[in-house]
Amino acid sequence: MNIEKITLVQQAIVNFLENNQGNEVYTNLCSCGAVTMSTYGSSDEISFSQENAPFIKATNDMIMCNCNHCCNGWGVDVDEEDDEEDL
């Protein structure tokens, strides 16, 4: 468990919720283990590994087959250095 990543994800969640007050927020779980938080009121979203925020649960029973976290290497807890190593 990486405390720095957990703290980073928690702060990103707080910022996301503050920026989207008044909008309905929903979460989706991907088969890769990432969670994506989105809103119905805007196109704003964040993604992160569920292990870095185990207190966030999906708001629906559907599991996505792909997401920005696994397909595009994009997410709050994805290090740019890790991404460059994968290339």
N, C-alpha and C. Protein backbone atom coordinates (compact mmCIF):
# COMPACT_ATOMS: atom_id res chain seq x y z
N MET A 1 0.85 -1.17 0.00
CA MET A 1 0.00 0.00 0.00
C MET A 1 0.90 1.24 0.00
N ASN A 2 0.67 2.13 -0.94
CA ASN A 2 1.48 3.34 -1.09
C ASN A 2 0.71 4.52 -0.50
N ILE A 3 1.16 4.98 0.66
CA ILE A 3 0.48 6.06 1.39
C ILE A 3 0.45 7.35 0.57
N GLU A 4 1.52 7.65 -0.16
CA GLU A 4 1.55 8.88 -0.96
C GLU A 4 0.47 8.85 -2.04
N LYS A 5 0.29 7.71 -2.70
CA LYS A 5 -0.74 7.62 -3.73
C LYS A 5 -2.14 7.69 -3.13
N ILE A 6 -2.32 7.07 -1.97
CA ILE A 6 -3.62 7.12 -1.31
C ILE A 6 -3.96 8.57 -0.95
N THR A 7 -2.99 9.29 -0.40
CA THR A 7 -3.21 10.70 -0.05
C THR A 7 -3.51 11.52 -1.29
N LEU A 8 -2.79 11.27 -2.37
CA LEU A 8 -3.02 11.98 -3.63
C LEU A 8 -4.42 11.73 -4.16
N VAL A 9 -4.86 10.48 -4.12
CA VAL A 9 -6.20 10.12 -4.59
C VAL A 9 -7.26 10.75 -3.70
N GLN A 10 -7.07 10.70 -2.39
CA GLN A 10 -8.05 11.30 -1.48
C GLN A 10 -8.20 12.78 -1.74
N GLN A 11 -7.09 13.49 -1.95
CA GLN A 11 -7.16 14.93 -2.23
C GLN A 11 -7.84 15.19 -3.57
N ALA A 12 -7.57 14.35 -4.56
CA ALA A 12 -8.22 14.51 -5.87
C ALA A 12 -9.73 14.30 -5.76
N ILE A 13 -10.14 13.34 -4.94
CA ILE A 13 -11.57 13.10 -4.73
C ILE A 13 -12.23 14.31 -4.07
N VAL A 14 -11.59 14.85 -3.03
CA VAL A 14 -12.12 16.04 -2.36
C VAL A 14 -12.25 17.19 -3.35
N ASN A 15 -11.21 17.43 -4.15
CA ASN A 15 -11.25 18.52 -5.14
C ASN A 15 -12.35 18.28 -6.17
N PHE A 16 -12.47 17.04 -6.64
CA PHE A 16 -13.50 16.70 -7.62
C PHE A 16 -14.90 16.98 -7.06
N LEU A 17 -15.14 16.55 -5.83
CA LEU A 17 -16.45 16.76 -5.21
C LEU A 17 -16.73 18.23 -4.97
N GLU A 18 -15.70 18.98 -4.54
CA GLU A 18 -15.89 20.43 -4.34
C GLU A 18 -16.20 21.13 -5.65
N ASN A 19 -15.53 20.74 -6.72
CA ASN A 19 -15.73 21.36 -8.04
C ASN A 19 -17.06 20.98 -8.67
N ASN A 20 -17.68 19.92 -8.18
CA ASN A 20 -18.92 19.44 -8.79
C ASN A 20 -20.09 19.45 -7.82
N GLN A 21 -20.05 20.38 -6.87
CA GLN A 21 -21.17 20.51 -5.95
C GLN A 21 -22.43 20.82 -6.75
N GLY A 22 -23.50 20.15 -6.41
CA GLY A 22 -24.76 20.35 -7.10
C GLY A 22 -24.97 19.41 -8.28
N ASN A 23 -23.92 18.73 -8.70
CA ASN A 23 -24.04 17.73 -9.77
C ASN A 23 -24.09 16.33 -9.17
N GLU A 24 -24.88 15.47 -9.78
CA GLU A 24 -24.94 14.09 -9.32
C GLU A 24 -23.66 13.37 -9.74
N VAL A 25 -22.98 12.78 -8.77
CA VAL A 25 -21.72 12.07 -9.03
C VAL A 25 -22.02 10.57 -9.04
N TYR A 26 -21.45 9.89 -10.02
CA TYR A 26 -21.58 8.44 -10.06
C TYR A 26 -20.22 7.81 -10.28
N THR A 27 -20.08 6.57 -9.86
CA THR A 27 -18.81 5.86 -9.97
C THR A 27 -19.01 4.56 -10.73
N ASN A 28 -18.02 4.22 -11.53
CA ASN A 28 -18.02 2.96 -12.27
C ASN A 28 -16.77 2.19 -11.95
N LEU A 29 -16.89 0.89 -11.89
CA LEU A 29 -15.75 0.01 -11.68
C LEU A 29 -15.39 -0.64 -13.00
N CYS A 30 -14.11 -0.69 -13.28
CA CYS A 30 -13.61 -1.32 -14.51
C CYS A 30 -13.04 -2.69 -14.17
N SER A 31 -12.99 -3.55 -15.14
CA SER A 31 -12.43 -4.90 -14.93
C SER A 31 -10.94 -4.84 -14.58
N CYS A 32 -10.28 -3.70 -14.86
CA CYS A 32 -8.86 -3.56 -14.51
C CYS A 32 -8.68 -3.23 -13.03
N GLY A 33 -9.76 -2.91 -12.34
CA GLY A 33 -9.69 -2.57 -10.91
C GLY A 33 -9.70 -1.09 -10.64
N ALA A 34 -9.90 -0.29 -11.67
CA ALA A 34 -9.94 1.17 -11.48
C ALA A 34 -11.37 1.64 -11.27
N VAL A 35 -11.48 2.75 -10.58
CA VAL A 35 -12.76 3.42 -10.36
C VAL A 35 -12.73 4.74 -11.12
N THR A 36 -13.80 5.04 -11.82
CA THR A 36 -13.94 6.33 -12.50
C THR A 36 -15.12 7.06 -11.88
N MET A 37 -14.86 8.26 -11.40
CA MET A 37 -15.91 9.12 -10.85
C MET A 37 -16.26 10.15 -11.91
N SER A 38 -17.54 10.28 -12.22
CA SER A 38 -18.02 11.22 -13.24
C SER A 38 -19.25 11.94 -12.71
N THR A 39 -19.69 12.93 -13.47
CA THR A 39 -20.93 13.63 -13.11
C THR A 39 -21.86 13.65 -14.31
N TYR A 40 -23.15 13.75 -14.01
CA TYR A 40 -24.13 13.92 -15.08
C TYR A 40 -24.14 15.36 -15.57
N GLY A 41 -23.66 16.29 -14.74
CA GLY A 41 -23.76 17.69 -15.07
C GLY A 41 -22.60 18.24 -15.89
N SER A 42 -21.51 17.49 -16.01
CA SER A 42 -20.36 17.96 -16.79
C SER A 42 -19.58 16.76 -17.30
N SER A 43 -18.55 17.03 -18.07
CA SER A 43 -17.72 15.95 -18.59
C SER A 43 -16.52 15.70 -17.68
N ASP A 44 -16.49 16.34 -16.54
CA ASP A 44 -15.41 16.18 -15.58
C ASP A 44 -15.40 14.77 -15.03
N GLU A 45 -14.21 14.14 -14.95
CA GLU A 45 -14.09 12.81 -14.35
C GLU A 45 -12.68 12.60 -13.84
N ILE A 46 -12.55 11.68 -12.89
CA ILE A 46 -11.24 11.25 -12.41
C ILE A 46 -11.24 9.74 -12.33
N SER A 47 -10.07 9.15 -12.53
CA SER A 47 -9.91 7.70 -12.43
C SER A 47 -8.75 7.40 -11.50
N PHE A 48 -8.86 6.27 -10.82
CA PHE A 48 -7.82 5.84 -9.89
C PHE A 48 -8.01 4.37 -9.59
N SER A 49 -6.93 3.74 -9.15
CA SER A 49 -6.99 2.34 -8.77
C SER A 49 -7.82 2.19 -7.50
N GLN A 50 -8.69 1.21 -7.48
CA GLN A 50 -9.57 1.02 -6.32
C GLN A 50 -8.76 0.74 -5.05
N GLU A 51 -7.59 0.16 -5.18
CA GLU A 51 -6.78 -0.13 -3.99
C GLU A 51 -6.31 1.16 -3.30
N ASN A 52 -6.30 2.28 -4.04
CA ASN A 52 -5.90 3.56 -3.45
C ASN A 52 -7.07 4.32 -2.84
N ALA A 53 -8.26 3.81 -2.97
CA ALA A 53 -9.45 4.43 -2.37
C ALA A 53 -10.50 3.34 -2.13
N PRO A 54 -10.21 2.39 -1.25
CA PRO A 54 -11.14 1.27 -1.04
C PRO A 54 -12.49 1.69 -0.45
N PHE A 55 -12.58 2.92 0.04
CA PHE A 55 -13.82 3.42 0.62
C PHE A 55 -14.81 3.90 -0.45
N ILE A 56 -14.38 3.99 -1.71
CA ILE A 56 -15.26 4.39 -2.81
C ILE A 56 -15.83 3.13 -3.46
N LYS A 57 -17.11 3.06 -3.54
CA LYS A 57 -17.79 1.91 -4.14
C LYS A 57 -18.51 2.33 -5.41
N ALA A 58 -18.69 1.40 -6.33
CA ALA A 58 -19.40 1.69 -7.58
C ALA A 58 -20.86 1.97 -7.28
N THR A 59 -21.44 2.89 -8.02
CA THR A 59 -22.85 3.24 -7.82
C THR A 59 -23.77 2.39 -8.68
N ASN A 60 -23.20 1.51 -9.47
CA ASN A 60 -24.05 0.60 -10.25
C ASN A 60 -23.40 -0.78 -10.29
N ASP A 61 -24.13 -1.76 -10.77
CA ASP A 61 -23.64 -3.14 -10.79
C ASP A 61 -22.86 -3.48 -12.05
N MET A 62 -22.83 -2.57 -13.02
CA MET A 62 -22.15 -2.82 -14.28
C MET A 62 -20.63 -2.68 -14.10
N ILE A 63 -19.87 -3.59 -14.65
CA ILE A 63 -18.42 -3.49 -14.66
C ILE A 63 -17.99 -3.16 -16.08
N MET A 64 -17.26 -2.06 -16.23
CA MET A 64 -16.81 -1.66 -17.56
C MET A 64 -15.70 -2.59 -18.03
N CYS A 65 -15.55 -2.70 -19.34
CA CYS A 65 -14.49 -3.53 -19.92
C CYS A 65 -13.20 -2.75 -20.12
N ASN A 66 -13.30 -1.44 -20.18
CA ASN A 66 -12.12 -0.60 -20.34
C ASN A 66 -12.41 0.79 -19.81
N CYS A 67 -11.35 1.50 -19.48
CA CYS A 67 -11.50 2.86 -18.96
C CYS A 67 -10.25 3.65 -19.30
N ASN A 68 -10.25 4.92 -18.98
CA ASN A 68 -9.06 5.74 -19.23
C ASN A 68 -7.85 5.24 -18.45
N HIS A 69 -8.09 4.65 -17.30
CA HIS A 69 -7.00 4.20 -16.44
C HIS A 69 -6.23 3.07 -17.11
N CYS A 70 -6.93 2.08 -17.66
CA CYS A 70 -6.24 0.94 -18.26
C CYS A 70 -5.95 1.13 -19.75
N CYS A 71 -6.81 1.78 -20.47
CA CYS A 71 -6.62 1.94 -21.92
C CYS A 71 -5.65 3.06 -22.27
N ASN A 72 -5.75 4.17 -21.54
CA ASN A 72 -4.94 5.34 -21.88
C ASN A 72 -3.84 5.63 -20.88
N GLY A 73 -3.75 4.82 -19.82
CA GLY A 73 -2.73 5.07 -18.80
C GLY A 73 -2.92 6.40 -18.12
N TRP A 74 -4.20 6.82 -17.98
CA TRP A 74 -4.53 8.10 -17.39
C TRP A 74 -5.19 7.87 -16.04
N GLY A 75 -4.78 8.59 -15.04
CA GLY A 75 -5.43 8.49 -13.74
C GLY A 75 -4.70 9.31 -12.71
N VAL A 76 -5.38 9.59 -11.63
CA VAL A 76 -4.83 10.38 -10.54
C VAL A 76 -3.58 9.72 -9.98
N ASP A 77 -3.58 8.39 -9.91
CA ASP A 77 -2.48 7.66 -9.29
C ASP A 77 -1.52 7.03 -10.29
N VAL A 78 -1.55 7.45 -11.53
CA VAL A 78 -0.63 6.93 -12.54
C VAL A 78 0.56 7.88 -12.62
N ASP A 79 1.75 7.36 -12.34
CA ASP A 79 2.95 8.17 -12.41
C ASP A 79 3.38 8.32 -13.86
N GLU A 80 3.79 9.53 -14.23
CA GLU A 80 4.29 9.74 -15.59
C GLU A 80 5.51 8.88 -15.85
N GLU A 81 6.35 8.66 -14.83
CA GLU A 81 7.54 7.82 -15.00
C GLU A 81 7.13 6.39 -15.31
N ASP A 82 6.11 5.87 -14.61
CA ASP A 82 5.62 4.52 -14.86
C ASP A 82 5.10 4.41 -16.28
N ASP A 83 4.40 5.46 -16.74
CA ASP A 83 3.81 5.47 -18.07
C ASP A 83 4.91 5.43 -19.14
N GLU A 84 6.00 6.18 -18.94
CA GLU A 84 7.08 6.20 -19.90
C GLU A 84 7.80 4.86 -19.97
N GLU A 85 7.89 4.13 -18.85
CA GLU A 85 8.52 2.84 -18.83
C GLU A 85 7.76 1.82 -19.63
N ASP A 86 6.43 1.98 -19.72
CA ASP A 86 5.59 1.04 -20.45
C ASP A 86 5.73 1.18 -21.96
N LEU A 87 6.24 2.33 -22.44
CA LEU A 87 6.34 2.57 -23.88
C LEU A 87 7.42 1.75 -24.53
